[in-house]
């Protein structure tokens, strides 16, 4: 993750999730998604061990939701943007509670 962050985003630090949005806004089709998401399962595992209230799978799901929100146009650079991002994440995760989700990590 650090290598990807450094090579493509010029950030020299480890991060939990990176999302690349390849959609061409000039030729946007609502049915077309063109994103690539990199998630760090190691960070999710570390955070779930640090805080027993966090489940590993829930942390991974949060990273996925976060990336999709970025691809949808939300940012989190300012305090206000972070607040809006957290509220959107929480709304989505709340709607997903109790749903059976199957996904794998590659």
N, C-alpha and C. Protein backbone atom coordinates (compact mmCIF):
# COMPACT_ATOMS: atom_id res chain seq x y z
N UNK A 1 0.83 -1.19 0.00
CA UNK A 1 0.00 0.00 0.00
C UNK A 1 0.87 1.26 0.00
N UNK A 2 1.92 1.21 0.78
CA UNK A 2 2.79 2.38 0.81
C UNK A 2 3.41 2.64 -0.57
N UNK A 3 3.83 1.58 -1.25
CA UNK A 3 4.42 1.72 -2.57
C UNK A 3 3.42 2.32 -3.55
N UNK A 4 2.20 1.82 -3.54
CA UNK A 4 1.16 2.35 -4.42
C UNK A 4 0.89 3.82 -4.08
N UNK A 5 0.79 4.12 -2.82
CA UNK A 5 0.53 5.49 -2.38
C UNK A 5 1.66 6.42 -2.82
N UNK A 6 2.89 5.96 -2.68
CA UNK A 6 4.05 6.77 -3.06
C UNK A 6 4.15 6.92 -4.58
N UNK A 7 4.00 5.80 -5.28
CA UNK A 7 4.19 5.79 -6.73
C UNK A 7 3.12 6.56 -7.50
N UNK A 8 1.88 6.43 -7.09
CA UNK A 8 0.79 7.01 -7.86
C UNK A 8 0.21 8.30 -7.27
N UNK A 9 0.35 8.48 -5.95
CA UNK A 9 -0.26 9.65 -5.31
C UNK A 9 0.77 10.58 -4.68
N UNK A 10 2.05 10.20 -4.75
CA UNK A 10 3.14 11.00 -4.19
C UNK A 10 2.98 11.23 -2.68
N UNK A 11 2.42 10.23 -1.99
CA UNK A 11 2.29 10.25 -0.53
C UNK A 11 3.18 9.14 0.02
N UNK A 12 4.11 9.47 0.86
CA UNK A 12 5.03 8.47 1.37
C UNK A 12 4.60 7.98 2.76
N UNK A 13 3.45 7.31 2.80
CA UNK A 13 2.98 6.73 4.05
C UNK A 13 2.01 5.58 3.74
N UNK A 14 1.85 4.73 4.73
CA UNK A 14 0.92 3.60 4.65
C UNK A 14 -0.49 4.14 4.84
N UNK A 15 -1.44 3.57 4.13
CA UNK A 15 -2.83 3.98 4.28
C UNK A 15 -3.74 2.76 4.24
N UNK A 16 -4.98 2.92 4.66
CA UNK A 16 -5.90 1.80 4.75
C UNK A 16 -6.59 1.49 3.43
N UNK A 17 -6.84 2.51 2.60
CA UNK A 17 -7.55 2.29 1.35
C UNK A 17 -7.14 3.34 0.32
N UNK A 18 -7.01 2.90 -0.92
CA UNK A 18 -6.73 3.78 -2.05
C UNK A 18 -7.73 3.45 -3.14
N UNK A 19 -8.30 4.49 -3.73
CA UNK A 19 -9.27 4.30 -4.81
C UNK A 19 -8.86 5.13 -6.01
N UNK A 20 -8.80 4.48 -7.16
CA UNK A 20 -8.55 5.17 -8.42
C UNK A 20 -9.84 5.16 -9.21
N UNK A 21 -10.27 6.33 -9.61
CA UNK A 21 -11.50 6.47 -10.37
C UNK A 21 -11.13 6.72 -11.83
N UNK A 22 -11.47 5.81 -12.70
CA UNK A 22 -11.13 5.90 -14.12
C UNK A 22 -12.28 6.38 -14.98
N UNK A 23 -13.38 6.75 -14.36
CA UNK A 23 -14.54 7.20 -15.11
C UNK A 23 -14.24 8.53 -15.77
N UNK A 24 -14.63 8.66 -17.00
CA UNK A 24 -14.48 9.91 -17.73
C UNK A 24 -15.75 10.71 -17.51
N UNK A 25 -15.67 11.78 -16.71
CA UNK A 25 -16.86 12.57 -16.39
C UNK A 25 -17.53 13.20 -17.60
N UNK A 26 -16.79 13.38 -18.67
CA UNK A 26 -17.36 13.97 -19.87
C UNK A 26 -18.24 12.98 -20.63
N UNK A 27 -18.00 11.71 -20.41
CA UNK A 27 -18.75 10.67 -21.11
C UNK A 27 -19.34 9.72 -20.06
N UNK A 28 -20.05 10.26 -19.09
CA UNK A 28 -20.51 9.51 -17.93
C UNK A 28 -21.78 8.72 -18.23
N UNK A 29 -21.73 7.44 -17.90
CA UNK A 29 -22.88 6.55 -18.00
C UNK A 29 -23.15 6.03 -16.60
N UNK A 30 -24.32 6.29 -16.05
CA UNK A 30 -24.67 5.91 -14.67
C UNK A 30 -24.50 4.41 -14.44
N UNK A 31 -24.60 3.62 -15.49
CA UNK A 31 -24.49 2.16 -15.35
C UNK A 31 -23.05 1.67 -15.44
N UNK A 32 -22.14 2.57 -15.65
CA UNK A 32 -20.75 2.18 -15.84
C UNK A 32 -19.91 2.62 -14.65
N UNK A 33 -19.18 1.69 -14.09
CA UNK A 33 -18.28 1.98 -12.98
C UNK A 33 -16.88 1.60 -13.43
N UNK A 34 -15.96 2.49 -13.22
CA UNK A 34 -14.58 2.23 -13.60
C UNK A 34 -13.67 2.68 -12.47
N UNK A 35 -13.60 1.85 -11.43
CA UNK A 35 -12.75 2.18 -10.29
C UNK A 35 -11.88 0.98 -9.94
N UNK A 36 -10.78 1.28 -9.30
CA UNK A 36 -9.89 0.25 -8.79
C UNK A 36 -9.64 0.59 -7.32
N UNK A 37 -9.87 -0.38 -6.45
CA UNK A 37 -9.77 -0.16 -5.01
C UNK A 37 -8.69 -1.08 -4.44
N UNK A 38 -7.81 -0.48 -3.65
CA UNK A 38 -6.80 -1.23 -2.92
C UNK A 38 -7.09 -1.05 -1.44
N UNK A 39 -7.24 -2.17 -0.74
CA UNK A 39 -7.55 -2.16 0.69
C UNK A 39 -6.44 -2.89 1.42
N UNK A 40 -6.04 -2.36 2.56
CA UNK A 40 -5.01 -3.00 3.37
C UNK A 40 -5.65 -3.88 4.44
N UNK A 41 -5.67 -5.18 4.23
CA UNK A 41 -6.21 -6.07 5.26
C UNK A 41 -5.35 -6.05 6.52
N UNK A 42 -4.07 -5.75 6.37
CA UNK A 42 -3.18 -5.69 7.54
C UNK A 42 -3.58 -4.56 8.48
N UNK A 43 -3.90 -3.41 7.92
CA UNK A 43 -4.33 -2.29 8.77
C UNK A 43 -5.66 -2.60 9.43
N UNK A 44 -6.58 -3.19 8.68
CA UNK A 44 -7.88 -3.57 9.25
C UNK A 44 -7.68 -4.54 10.41
N UNK A 45 -6.81 -5.51 10.21
CA UNK A 45 -6.55 -6.49 11.28
C UNK A 45 -5.91 -5.81 12.49
N UNK A 46 -4.97 -4.93 12.25
CA UNK A 46 -4.29 -4.21 13.33
C UNK A 46 -5.28 -3.38 14.13
N UNK A 47 -6.15 -2.66 13.43
CA UNK A 47 -7.14 -1.81 14.12
C UNK A 47 -8.15 -2.64 14.90
N UNK A 48 -8.53 -3.79 14.36
CA UNK A 48 -9.48 -4.63 15.08
C UNK A 48 -8.84 -5.25 16.32
N UNK A 49 -7.53 -5.44 16.31
CA UNK A 49 -6.83 -5.95 17.49
C UNK A 49 -6.64 -4.85 18.53
N UNK A 50 -6.43 -3.62 18.06
CA UNK A 50 -6.25 -2.48 18.97
C UNK A 50 -7.54 -2.12 19.69
N UNK A 51 -8.67 -2.28 19.00
CA UNK A 51 -9.97 -1.91 19.54
C UNK A 51 -10.89 -3.12 19.43
N UNK A 52 -11.16 -3.75 20.55
CA UNK A 52 -11.94 -5.00 20.55
C UNK A 52 -13.38 -4.78 20.07
N UNK A 53 -13.84 -3.53 20.03
CA UNK A 53 -15.21 -3.28 19.55
C UNK A 53 -15.27 -3.29 18.01
N UNK A 54 -14.10 -3.25 17.35
CA UNK A 54 -14.06 -3.28 15.89
C UNK A 54 -13.87 -4.71 15.40
N UNK A 55 -14.75 -5.13 14.53
CA UNK A 55 -14.59 -6.43 13.90
C UNK A 55 -13.80 -6.26 12.61
N UNK A 56 -12.94 -7.21 12.34
CA UNK A 56 -12.09 -7.18 11.15
C UNK A 56 -12.92 -6.99 9.88
N UNK A 57 -13.97 -7.79 9.72
CA UNK A 57 -14.80 -7.73 8.52
C UNK A 57 -15.50 -6.38 8.40
N UNK A 58 -15.93 -5.83 9.52
CA UNK A 58 -16.59 -4.52 9.52
C UNK A 58 -15.61 -3.42 9.11
N UNK A 59 -14.39 -3.54 9.54
CA UNK A 59 -13.37 -2.56 9.18
C UNK A 59 -13.09 -2.62 7.67
N UNK A 60 -12.99 -3.84 7.13
CA UNK A 60 -12.81 -3.98 5.68
C UNK A 60 -13.98 -3.38 4.91
N UNK A 61 -15.18 -3.62 5.39
CA UNK A 61 -16.37 -3.08 4.74
C UNK A 61 -16.36 -1.55 4.78
N UNK A 62 -15.94 -0.99 5.91
CA UNK A 62 -15.83 0.47 6.02
C UNK A 62 -14.88 1.01 4.96
N UNK A 63 -13.74 0.35 4.75
CA UNK A 63 -12.77 0.80 3.75
C UNK A 63 -13.38 0.75 2.35
N UNK A 64 -14.14 -0.30 2.09
CA UNK A 64 -14.78 -0.43 0.78
C UNK A 64 -15.81 0.68 0.56
N UNK A 65 -16.63 0.92 1.55
CA UNK A 65 -17.63 2.00 1.46
C UNK A 65 -16.93 3.34 1.28
N UNK A 66 -15.87 3.56 2.03
CA UNK A 66 -15.11 4.81 1.95
C UNK A 66 -14.60 5.03 0.52
N UNK A 67 -14.04 3.99 -0.07
CA UNK A 67 -13.50 4.08 -1.43
C UNK A 67 -14.61 4.39 -2.44
N UNK A 68 -15.73 3.73 -2.29
CA UNK A 68 -16.85 3.96 -3.22
C UNK A 68 -17.37 5.39 -3.08
N UNK A 69 -17.41 5.90 -1.87
CA UNK A 69 -17.82 7.29 -1.67
C UNK A 69 -16.84 8.26 -2.34
N UNK A 70 -15.55 7.96 -2.24
CA UNK A 70 -14.57 8.78 -2.94
C UNK A 70 -14.84 8.73 -4.45
N UNK A 71 -15.08 7.54 -4.97
CA UNK A 71 -15.34 7.39 -6.41
C UNK A 71 -16.62 8.11 -6.82
N UNK A 72 -17.52 8.30 -5.86
CA UNK A 72 -18.77 9.00 -6.13
C UNK A 72 -18.63 10.52 -6.02
N UNK A 73 -17.43 10.98 -5.65
CA UNK A 73 -17.19 12.41 -5.62
C UNK A 73 -16.96 13.03 -4.26
N UNK A 74 -17.13 12.27 -3.18
CA UNK A 74 -16.89 12.83 -1.85
C UNK A 74 -15.39 12.87 -1.57
N UNK A 75 -14.98 13.90 -0.84
CA UNK A 75 -13.59 14.03 -0.40
C UNK A 75 -13.55 14.10 1.11
N UNK A 76 -12.36 14.03 1.67
CA UNK A 76 -12.22 14.10 3.13
C UNK A 76 -10.95 14.85 3.54
N UNK A 77 -10.63 15.89 2.80
CA UNK A 77 -9.41 16.66 3.09
C UNK A 77 -9.63 17.70 4.18
N UNK A 78 -10.79 18.34 4.19
CA UNK A 78 -11.07 19.35 5.21
C UNK A 78 -11.90 18.73 6.33
N UNK A 79 -11.98 19.45 7.45
CA UNK A 79 -12.79 18.97 8.58
C UNK A 79 -14.25 18.79 8.16
N UNK A 80 -14.78 19.73 7.39
CA UNK A 80 -16.17 19.64 6.96
C UNK A 80 -16.39 18.46 6.02
N UNK A 81 -15.45 18.25 5.09
CA UNK A 81 -15.55 17.10 4.18
C UNK A 81 -15.45 15.79 4.95
N UNK A 82 -14.60 15.75 5.97
CA UNK A 82 -14.48 14.54 6.80
C UNK A 82 -15.78 14.25 7.51
N UNK A 83 -16.42 15.28 8.02
CA UNK A 83 -17.71 15.11 8.70
C UNK A 83 -18.75 14.55 7.74
N UNK A 84 -18.83 15.13 6.54
CA UNK A 84 -19.78 14.66 5.53
C UNK A 84 -19.48 13.21 5.15
N UNK A 85 -18.20 12.87 4.98
CA UNK A 85 -17.80 11.50 4.64
C UNK A 85 -18.22 10.54 5.75
N UNK A 86 -17.94 10.88 7.01
CA UNK A 86 -18.31 9.99 8.13
C UNK A 86 -19.81 9.78 8.19
N UNK A 87 -20.57 10.85 7.97
CA UNK A 87 -22.03 10.73 8.01
C UNK A 87 -22.52 9.80 6.89
N UNK A 88 -21.95 9.94 5.70
CA UNK A 88 -22.34 9.09 4.57
C UNK A 88 -21.95 7.64 4.85
N UNK A 89 -20.75 7.42 5.36
CA UNK A 89 -20.31 6.06 5.71
C UNK A 89 -21.27 5.44 6.71
N UNK A 90 -21.59 6.18 7.76
CA UNK A 90 -22.47 5.66 8.80
C UNK A 90 -23.86 5.34 8.28
N UNK A 91 -24.40 6.19 7.40
CA UNK A 91 -25.73 5.92 6.81
C UNK A 91 -25.71 4.62 6.01
N UNK A 92 -24.68 4.45 5.20
CA UNK A 92 -24.59 3.24 4.36
C UNK A 92 -24.39 2.00 5.22
N UNK A 93 -23.46 2.09 6.16
CA UNK A 93 -23.18 0.92 7.01
C UNK A 93 -24.39 0.55 7.85
N UNK A 94 -25.15 1.54 8.29
CA UNK A 94 -26.37 1.27 9.07
C UNK A 94 -27.39 0.52 8.21
N UNK A 95 -27.53 0.91 6.96
CA UNK A 95 -28.45 0.23 6.05
C UNK A 95 -28.00 -1.20 5.75
N UNK A 96 -26.70 -1.45 5.86
CA UNK A 96 -26.16 -2.78 5.54
C UNK A 96 -26.18 -3.72 6.73
N UNK A 97 -26.46 -3.20 7.91
CA UNK A 97 -26.47 -4.04 9.11
C UNK A 97 -27.41 -5.22 8.94
N UNK A 98 -26.93 -6.38 9.31
CA UNK A 98 -27.75 -7.58 9.24
C UNK A 98 -27.81 -8.21 7.87
N UNK A 99 -27.24 -7.58 6.88
CA UNK A 99 -27.23 -8.15 5.53
C UNK A 99 -26.09 -9.17 5.44
N UNK A 100 -26.30 -10.19 4.70
CA UNK A 100 -25.27 -11.20 4.48
C UNK A 100 -24.42 -10.77 3.30
N UNK A 101 -23.14 -10.57 3.55
CA UNK A 101 -22.21 -10.13 2.51
C UNK A 101 -21.11 -11.14 2.35
N UNK A 102 -20.84 -11.50 1.13
CA UNK A 102 -19.75 -12.42 0.84
C UNK A 102 -18.80 -11.72 -0.12
N UNK A 103 -17.56 -11.53 0.32
CA UNK A 103 -16.55 -10.98 -0.57
C UNK A 103 -15.22 -11.60 -0.21
N UNK A 104 -14.33 -11.57 -1.15
CA UNK A 104 -13.01 -12.15 -0.89
C UNK A 104 -11.94 -11.12 -1.16
N UNK A 105 -10.80 -11.35 -0.57
CA UNK A 105 -9.66 -10.46 -0.73
C UNK A 105 -8.64 -11.12 -1.62
N UNK A 106 -8.17 -10.38 -2.61
CA UNK A 106 -7.14 -10.91 -3.54
C UNK A 106 -5.91 -10.08 -3.47
